[in-house]
Protein backbone atom coordinates (compact mmCIF):
# COMPACT_ATOMS: atom_id res chain seq x y z
CA MET A 1 -71.24 65.07 -133.56
CA GLY A 2 -71.33 67.26 -136.63
CA ILE A 3 -75.07 67.88 -136.60
CA LYS A 4 -77.16 70.28 -134.63
CA GLN A 5 -80.88 69.65 -134.42
CA ILE A 6 -82.75 67.79 -137.11
CA PRO A 7 -86.37 67.86 -138.22
CA THR A 8 -88.61 65.56 -136.20
CA LYS A 9 -89.85 63.93 -139.44
CA ILE A 10 -86.30 62.85 -140.32
CA PHE A 11 -85.66 61.39 -136.87
CA LEU A 12 -88.93 59.43 -137.02
CA LYS A 13 -87.87 58.04 -140.42
CA TYR A 14 -84.62 56.92 -138.81
CA LEU A 15 -86.44 55.14 -135.99
CA LYS A 16 -88.69 53.37 -138.48
CA SER A 17 -85.67 52.38 -140.60
CA LEU A 18 -84.33 50.57 -137.52
CA GLY A 19 -87.60 48.72 -137.07
CA LEU A 20 -88.91 50.72 -134.12
CA VAL A 21 -92.67 51.31 -133.94
CA PHE A 22 -94.94 53.70 -132.07
CA ILE A 23 -96.15 52.01 -128.87
CA ARG A 24 -98.01 54.77 -127.00
CA LYS A 25 -98.07 58.40 -125.81
CA ASP A 26 -96.89 59.17 -122.30
CA GLN A 27 -98.32 61.69 -119.86
CA TRP A 28 -95.96 64.45 -121.08
CA ASN A 29 -97.14 64.10 -124.69
CA HIS A 30 -94.07 62.19 -125.94
CA ASP A 31 -94.54 59.50 -128.55
CA LEU A 32 -92.78 56.35 -127.34
CA TYR A 33 -91.10 53.94 -129.75
CA ASP A 34 -89.75 50.43 -129.21
CA TYR A 35 -89.19 47.22 -131.14
CA PRO A 36 -92.33 45.16 -131.71
CA GLU A 37 -92.60 41.86 -129.82
CA ASP A 38 -92.19 39.73 -132.96
CA SER A 39 -89.31 41.70 -134.51
CA GLY A 40 -86.52 39.42 -133.31
CA ASN A 41 -84.93 42.42 -131.59
CA GLU A 42 -84.73 42.69 -127.84
CA LYS A 43 -87.00 45.28 -126.24
CA LEU A 44 -85.16 48.48 -125.26
CA GLN A 45 -84.27 49.23 -121.63
CA ARG A 46 -86.40 52.32 -122.02
CA PRO A 47 -88.49 53.35 -125.00
CA VAL A 48 -87.32 56.13 -127.29
CA ALA A 49 -89.28 59.31 -126.51
CA VAL A 50 -90.00 61.88 -129.21
CA ARG A 51 -91.95 65.12 -128.83
CA THR A 52 -93.72 65.16 -132.17
CA ASN A 53 -95.19 68.60 -131.53
CA TYR A 54 -91.64 70.04 -131.89
CA LYS A 55 -90.52 70.98 -135.39
CA ASP A 56 -86.91 69.91 -134.64
CA ILE A 57 -85.34 67.40 -132.24
CA PRO A 58 -82.78 69.05 -129.90
CA LEU A 59 -79.27 67.60 -130.00
CA HIS A 60 -79.35 66.30 -126.41
CA HIS A 61 -82.56 64.36 -127.18
CA ILE A 62 -80.87 62.80 -130.20
CA HIS A 63 -77.89 61.80 -128.03
CA THR A 64 -79.97 60.19 -125.28
CA ASN A 65 -82.16 58.34 -127.77
CA LEU A 66 -79.15 57.01 -129.69
CA ILE A 67 -77.75 55.69 -126.40
CA ALA A 68 -81.08 54.00 -125.61
CA ILE A 69 -81.12 52.33 -129.05
CA GLY A 70 -77.44 51.42 -128.89
CA VAL A 71 -76.46 53.26 -132.07
CA SER A 72 -73.27 55.28 -132.40
CA LYS A 73 -73.34 58.93 -133.39
CA GLU A 74 -71.12 58.07 -136.35
CA ASP A 75 -73.61 55.49 -137.68
CA PHE A 76 -76.44 57.97 -137.29
CA GLU A 77 -74.47 60.64 -139.17
CA LYS A 78 -73.75 58.15 -141.98
CA TRP A 79 -77.47 57.44 -142.24
CA LEU A 80 -78.23 61.18 -142.37
CA LYS A 81 -75.82 61.61 -145.27
CA SER A 82 -77.05 58.57 -147.17
CA PRO A 83 -79.51 58.88 -150.05
CA LYS A 84 -81.54 55.96 -148.55
CA LYS A 85 -83.04 58.21 -145.88
CA LYS A 86 -85.20 59.97 -148.45
CA LYS A 87 -87.22 56.82 -149.19
């Protein structure tokens, strides 16, 4: 993967672009994201956890969350480079 860490704001934009929504906070202060019931997408095996109090998302958190969502690193990198992400 050609990226290091990315700003939390950018990663949250990516999750929202996939249709994931905030579902709750866990006991360790992570925001948990999953597909809504009526989205037509299957619920994730485990929700995506994001520590929103961090300025940047560490690379290993990006990796584990991409695996949970079922997105390749290459697709994520393409999205990062696309002008659409700024919307």
